[in-house]
């Protein structure tokens, strides 16, 4: 006469109950499902398949399965936005070349040229800090200071040797001022 297996592993029990293995494992951990560890595996009495807890786990799983297809049909992706196409430009037509010289117009000479932006060397007159000095003054790391310099979030100049110098004016910027160590 063959002996009947009265205990099931967690995966066998979950399959028989129709619920996820993780749910069964959680019930065992919480002490809500009686199980005994044998040979490194949890063994659950087959008699617990009809328990109230297992039936309660089945209901939400069934309800989710019934609702899942309906929920998917209601979803639609937004239509992709059309890319902006520039309006067509008229073709460029070459002007006829004339051999006669153009008349010279009397154009007044402009005043002094507007001032050019200051060269990086001129900005060095402003107090500057090395990257380690600036990092020590703020909550930024040296790598963070370098990245912010490259991204333009912090103003700085490079010396002839290629070393970055952070300008003192950055300390007046609110986003950087809040990062100062007090």
C-alpha atoms as a PDB file:
ATOM      1  CA  UNK A   1       0.000   0.000   0.000  1.00  0.00           C
ATOM      2  CA  UNK A   2       1.440   3.423  -1.038  1.00  0.00           C
ATOM      3  CA  UNK A   3       1.725   6.162   1.568  1.00  0.00           C
ATOM      4  CA  UNK A   4      -0.015   9.417   0.758  1.00  0.00           C
ATOM      5  CA  UNK A   5       2.065  12.617   0.885  1.00  0.00           C
ATOM      6  CA  UNK A   6       0.388  14.798   3.527  1.00  0.00           C
ATOM      7  CA  UNK A   7       2.820  17.731   3.253  1.00  0.00           C
ATOM      8  CA  UNK A   8       3.722  19.965   0.338  1.00  0.00           C
ATOM      9  CA  UNK A   9       6.658  22.277  -0.355  1.00  0.00           C
ATOM     10  CA  UNK A  10       5.902  26.009  -0.679  1.00  0.00           C
ATOM     11  CA  UNK A  11       5.979  25.863  -4.482  1.00  0.00           C
ATOM     12  CA  UNK A  12       3.746  22.755  -4.590  1.00  0.00           C
ATOM     13  CA  UNK A  13       1.348  24.308  -2.091  1.00  0.00           C
ATOM     14  CA  UNK A  14       1.239  27.618  -4.026  1.00  0.00           C
ATOM     15  CA  UNK A  15       0.570  25.800  -7.299  1.00  0.00           C
ATOM     16  CA  UNK A  16      -2.199  23.703  -5.734  1.00  0.00           C
ATOM     17  CA  UNK A  17      -3.723  26.799  -4.112  1.00  0.00           C
ATOM     18  CA  UNK A  18      -3.373  28.926  -7.247  1.00  0.00           C
ATOM     19  CA  UNK A  19      -1.529  31.763  -5.526  1.00  0.00           C
ATOM     20  CA  UNK A  20       2.023  33.145  -5.816  1.00  0.00           C
ATOM     21  CA  UNK A  21       4.818  31.380  -3.930  1.00  0.00           C
ATOM     22  CA  UNK A  22       5.829  34.691  -2.351  1.00  0.00           C
ATOM     23  CA  UNK A  23       2.394  34.993  -0.724  1.00  0.00           C
ATOM     24  CA  UNK A  24       2.713  31.539   0.824  1.00  0.00           C
ATOM     25  CA  UNK A  25       6.234  32.311   2.062  1.00  0.00           C
ATOM     26  CA  UNK A  26       5.003  35.546   3.657  1.00  0.00           C
ATOM     27  CA  UNK A  27       2.191  33.721   5.454  1.00  0.00           C
ATOM     28  CA  UNK A  28       4.732  31.239   6.838  1.00  0.00           C
ATOM     29  CA  UNK A  29       7.080  34.037   7.983  1.00  0.00           C
ATOM     30  CA  UNK A  30       4.182  35.843   9.645  1.00  0.00           C
ATOM     31  CA  UNK A  31       3.193  32.608  11.442  1.00  0.00           C
ATOM     32  CA  UNK A  32      -0.272  32.584   9.852  1.00  0.00           C
ATOM     33  CA  UNK A  33       0.306  29.328   7.989  1.00  0.00           C
ATOM     34  CA  UNK A  34       1.551  26.266   9.857  1.00  0.00           C
ATOM     35  CA  UNK A  35       4.689  24.821   8.292  1.00  0.00           C
ATOM     36  CA  UNK A  36       7.662  22.766   9.367  1.00  0.00           C
ATOM     37  CA  UNK A  37      11.168  23.083   7.970  1.00  0.00           C
ATOM     38  CA  UNK A  38      12.488  19.721   6.808  1.00  0.00           C
ATOM     39  CA  UNK A  39      15.767  19.330   4.932  1.00  0.00           C
ATOM     40  CA  UNK A  40      16.007  23.086   4.279  1.00  0.00           C
ATOM     41  CA  UNK A  41      12.489  23.306   2.787  1.00  0.00           C
ATOM     42  CA  UNK A  42       9.253  24.410   4.337  1.00  0.00           C
ATOM     43  CA  UNK A  43       6.714  21.596   4.390  1.00  0.00           C
ATOM     44  CA  UNK A  44       3.076  22.633   4.682  1.00  0.00           C
ATOM     45  CA  UNK A  45       0.293  20.200   5.639  1.00  0.00           C
ATOM     46  CA  UNK A  46      -1.997  19.542   2.698  1.00  0.00           C
ATOM     47  CA  UNK A  47      -4.959  20.033   4.991  1.00  0.00           C
ATOM     48  CA  UNK A  48      -4.286  23.799   5.026  1.00  0.00           C
ATOM     49  CA  UNK A  49      -5.191  24.130   1.345  1.00  0.00           C
ATOM     50  CA  UNK A  50      -8.790  24.765   2.348  1.00  0.00           C
ATOM     51  CA  UNK A  51      -7.928  27.260   5.095  1.00  0.00           C
ATOM     52  CA  UNK A  52      -9.589  30.644   5.223  1.00  0.00           C
ATOM     53  CA  UNK A  53      -6.273  32.475   4.587  1.00  0.00           C
ATOM     54  CA  UNK A  54      -5.604  30.602   1.352  1.00  0.00           C
ATOM     55  CA  UNK A  55      -9.144  31.231   0.075  1.00  0.00           C
ATOM     56  CA  UNK A  56      -8.763  34.925   0.891  1.00  0.00           C
ATOM     57  CA  UNK A  57      -5.549  35.011  -1.184  1.00  0.00           C
ATOM     58  CA  UNK A  58      -7.293  33.407  -4.156  1.00  0.00           C
ATOM     59  CA  UNK A  59     -10.085  36.017  -4.380  1.00  0.00           C
ATOM     60  CA  UNK A  60      -7.917  39.123  -5.008  1.00  0.00           C
ATOM     61  CA  UNK A  61      -5.834  37.156  -7.518  1.00  0.00           C
ATOM     62  CA  UNK A  62      -8.945  36.099  -9.461  1.00  0.00           C
ATOM     63  CA  UNK A  63     -10.401  39.610  -9.363  1.00  0.00           C
ATOM     64  CA  UNK A  64      -7.143  41.048 -10.697  1.00  0.00           C
ATOM     65  CA  UNK A  65      -7.088  38.498 -13.518  1.00  0.00           C
ATOM     66  CA  UNK A  66     -10.626  39.419 -14.533  1.00  0.00           C
ATOM     67  CA  UNK A  67      -9.945  43.167 -14.441  1.00  0.00           C
ATOM     68  CA  UNK A  68      -6.504  43.110 -16.071  1.00  0.00           C
ATOM     69  CA  UNK A  69      -7.622  42.646 -19.705  1.00  0.00           C
ATOM     70  CA  UNK A  70     -10.277  45.368 -19.385  1.00  0.00           C
ATOM     71  CA  UNK A  71      -7.754  47.790 -17.905  1.00  0.00           C
ATOM     72  CA  UNK A  72      -5.346  47.233 -20.760  1.00  0.00           C
ATOM     73  CA  UNK A  73      -7.933  47.935 -23.463  1.00  0.00           C
ATOM     74  CA  UNK A  74      -8.731  51.357 -21.981  1.00  0.00           C
ATOM     75  CA  UNK A  75      -5.129  52.507 -22.241  1.00  0.00           C
ATOM     76  CA  UNK A  76      -4.064  54.320 -25.318  1.00  0.00           C
ATOM     77  CA  UNK A  77      -0.773  55.858 -26.182  1.00  0.00           C
ATOM     78  CA  UNK A  78      -0.779  59.503 -27.063  1.00  0.00           C
ATOM     79  CA  UNK A  79      -0.213  60.115 -30.733  1.00  0.00           C
ATOM     80  CA  UNK A  80       3.373  61.053 -31.485  1.00  0.00           C
ATOM     81  CA  UNK A  81       3.834  64.748 -31.979  1.00  0.00           C
ATOM     82  CA  UNK A  82       4.628  65.821 -35.490  1.00  0.00           C
ATOM     83  CA  UNK A  83       8.085  67.254 -35.903  1.00  0.00           C
ATOM     84  CA  UNK A  84       8.182  70.895 -36.856  1.00  0.00           C
ATOM     85  CA  UNK A  85       9.205  71.259 -40.471  1.00  0.00           C
ATOM     86  CA  UNK A  86      10.612  74.634 -41.460  1.00  0.00           C
ATOM     87  CA  UNK A  87       8.739  76.355 -44.286  1.00  0.00           C
ATOM     88  CA  UNK A  88      10.314  75.927 -47.707  1.00  0.00           C
ATOM     89  CA  UNK A  89      12.804  78.640 -48.588  1.00  0.00           C
ATOM     90  CA  UNK A  90      12.751  80.239 -52.029  1.00  0.00           C
ATOM     91  CA  UNK A  91      15.605  79.105 -54.223  1.00  0.00           C
ATOM     92  CA  UNK A  92      18.691  81.297 -54.248  1.00  0.00           C
ATOM     93  CA  UNK A  93      19.163  82.988 -57.599  1.00  0.00           C
ATOM     94  CA  UNK A  94      22.512  84.473 -58.497  1.00  0.00           C
ATOM     95  CA  UNK A  95      22.345  88.193 -59.290  1.00  0.00           C
ATOM     96  CA  UNK A  96      23.673  89.217 -62.669  1.00  0.00           C
ATOM     97  CA  UNK A  97      27.242  90.428 -62.496  1.00  0.00           C
ATOM     98  CA  UNK A  98      27.749  93.988 -63.651  1.00  0.00           C
ATOM     99  CA  UNK A  99      31.041  95.245 -65.058  1.00  0.00           C
ATOM    100  CA  UNK A 100      30.313  98.840 -64.117  1.00  0.00           C
ATOM    101  CA  UNK A 101      31.673 100.033 -60.757  1.00  0.00           C
ATOM    102  CA  UNK A 102      29.089 100.823 -58.126  1.00  0.00           C
ATOM    103  CA  UNK A 103      28.746 104.450 -57.084  1.00  0.00           C
ATOM    104  CA  UNK A 104      30.586 105.280 -53.881  1.00  0.00           C
ATOM    105  CA  UNK A 105      28.359 106.534 -51.116  1.00  0.00           C
ATOM    106  CA  UNK A 106      29.572 108.877 -48.474  1.00  0.00           C
ATOM    107  CA  UNK A 107      29.182 106.851 -45.274  1.00  0.00           C
ATOM    108  CA  UNK A 108      29.985 108.568 -42.009  1.00  0.00           C
ATOM    109  CA  UNK A 109      32.654 106.804 -39.986  1.00  0.00           C
ATOM    110  CA  UNK A 110      31.333 105.311 -36.795  1.00  0.00           C
ATOM    111  CA  UNK A 111      32.530 106.408 -33.365  1.00  0.00           C
ATOM    112  CA  UNK A 112      34.769 104.268 -31.216  1.00  0.00           C
ATOM    113  CA  UNK A 113      34.058 100.542 -31.410  1.00  0.00           C
ATOM    114  CA  UNK A 114      32.020  99.069 -28.559  1.00  0.00           C
ATOM    115  CA  UNK A 115      34.056  97.493 -25.796  1.00  0.00           C
ATOM    116  CA  UNK A 116      34.748  93.818 -26.329  1.00  0.00           C
ATOM    117  CA  UNK A 117      33.910  91.389 -23.548  1.00  0.00           C
ATOM    118  CA  UNK A 118      36.744  91.123 -21.060  1.00  0.00           C
ATOM    119  CA  UNK A 119      39.375  88.553 -21.910  1.00  0.00           C
ATOM    120  CA  UNK A 120      39.828  85.643 -19.507  1.00  0.00           C
ATOM    121  CA  UNK A 121      43.038  87.249 -18.272  1.00  0.00           C
ATOM    122  CA  UNK A 122      41.081  90.363 -17.284  1.00  0.00           C
ATOM    123  CA  UNK A 123      38.673  88.241 -15.265  1.00  0.00           C
ATOM    124  CA  UNK A 124      41.609  86.873 -13.299  1.00  0.00           C
ATOM    125  CA  UNK A 125      41.716  90.259 -11.576  1.00  0.00           C
ATOM    126  CA  UNK A 126      38.585  89.096  -9.762  1.00  0.00           C
ATOM    127  CA  UNK A 127      39.364  86.842  -6.808  1.00  0.00           C
ATOM    128  CA  UNK A 128      39.488  83.214  -7.866  1.00  0.00           C
ATOM    129  CA  UNK A 129      39.640  79.874  -6.097  1.00  0.00           C
ATOM    130  CA  UNK A 130      41.110  76.558  -7.129  1.00  0.00           C
ATOM    131  CA  UNK A 131      38.710  73.642  -7.428  1.00  0.00           C
ATOM    132  CA  UNK A 132      39.806  72.101  -4.083  1.00  0.00           C
ATOM    133  CA  UNK A 133      39.448  75.501  -2.344  1.00  0.00           C
ATOM    134  CA  UNK A 134      35.958  76.049  -3.775  1.00  0.00           C
ATOM    135  CA  UNK A 135      34.918  72.502  -2.867  1.00  0.00           C
ATOM    136  CA  UNK A 136      36.107  73.063   0.711  1.00  0.00           C
ATOM    137  CA  UNK A 137      34.020  76.251   0.912  1.00  0.00           C
ATOM    138  CA  UNK A 138      30.859  74.535  -0.330  1.00  0.00           C
ATOM    139  CA  UNK A 139      29.118  71.210   0.039  1.00  0.00           C
ATOM    140  CA  UNK A 140      30.203  70.268  -3.485  1.00  0.00           C
ATOM    141  CA  UNK A 141      32.889  67.687  -4.134  1.00  0.00           C
ATOM    142  CA  UNK A 142      35.851  68.499  -6.344  1.00  0.00           C
ATOM    143  CA  UNK A 143      34.332  66.349  -9.081  1.00  0.00           C
ATOM    144  CA  UNK A 144      31.024  68.194  -8.667  1.00  0.00           C
ATOM    145  CA  UNK A 145      32.759  71.564  -9.023  1.00  0.00           C
ATOM    146  CA  UNK A 146      34.469  70.352 -12.225  1.00  0.00           C
ATOM    147  CA  UNK A 147      31.153  69.126 -13.657  1.00  0.00           C
ATOM    148  CA  UNK A 148      29.399  72.394 -12.790  1.00  0.00           C
ATOM    149  CA  UNK A 149      32.207  74.346 -14.467  1.00  0.00           C
ATOM    150  CA  UNK A 150      31.893  72.263 -17.641  1.00  0.00           C
ATOM    151  CA  UNK A 151      28.102  72.606 -17.611  1.00  0.00           C
ATOM    152  CA  UNK A 152      28.302  76.374 -17.086  1.00  0.00           C
ATOM    153  CA  UNK A 153      26.489  76.379 -13.737  1.00  0.00           C
ATOM    154  CA  UNK A 154      29.611  77.902 -12.177  1.00  0.00           C
ATOM    155  CA  UNK A 155      31.659  80.598 -13.905  1.00  0.00           C
ATOM    156  CA  UNK A 156      35.394  80.115 -14.089  1.00  0.00           C
ATOM    157  CA  UNK A 157      38.465  80.631 -16.205  1.00  0.00           C
ATOM    158  CA  UNK A 158      41.240  78.323 -17.267  1.00  0.00           C
ATOM    159  CA  UNK A 159      44.828  79.299 -16.726  1.00  0.00           C
ATOM    160  CA  UNK A 160      47.457  78.871 -19.443  1.00  0.00           C
ATOM    161  CA  UNK A 161      48.317  75.487 -17.914  1.00  0.00           C
ATOM    162  CA  UNK A 162      44.647  74.395 -18.284  1.00  0.00           C
ATOM    163  CA  UNK A 163      43.818  74.519 -14.574  1.00  0.00           C
ATOM    164  CA  UNK A 164      40.363  75.847 -13.699  1.00  0.00           C
ATOM    165  CA  UNK A 165      39.948  78.862 -11.444  1.00  0.00           C
ATOM    166  CA  UNK A 166      36.470  79.447  -9.992  1.00  0.00           C
ATOM    167  CA  UNK A 167      35.392  83.103  -9.926  1.00  0.00           C
ATOM    168  CA  UNK A 168      34.439  84.739  -6.630  1.00  0.00           C
ATOM    169  CA  UNK A 169      31.257  86.153  -8.165  1.00  0.00           C
ATOM    170  CA  UNK A 170      29.728  82.661  -8.057  1.00  0.00           C
ATOM    171  CA  UNK A 171      29.307  83.008  -4.292  1.00  0.00           C
ATOM    172  CA  UNK A 172      26.671  85.715  -4.876  1.00  0.00           C
ATOM    173  CA  UNK A 173      24.476  83.406  -7.007  1.00  0.00           C
ATOM    174  CA  UNK A 174      21.567  82.132  -4.823  1.00  0.00           C
ATOM    175  CA  UNK A 175      21.846  78.492  -5.976  1.00  0.00           C
ATOM    176  CA  UNK A 176      25.516  78.426  -5.039  1.00  0.00           C
ATOM    177  CA  UNK A 177      25.237  80.661  -1.979  1.00  0.00           C
ATOM    178  CA  UNK A 178      22.937  78.117  -0.323  1.00  0.00           C
ATOM    179  CA  UNK A 179      25.684  75.495  -0.721  1.00  0.00           C
ATOM    180  CA  UNK A 180      28.232  77.507   1.293  1.00  0.00           C
ATOM    181  CA  UNK A 181      29.478  75.898   4.468  1.00  0.00           C
ATOM    182  CA  UNK A 182      28.605  78.178   7.350  1.00  0.00           C
END
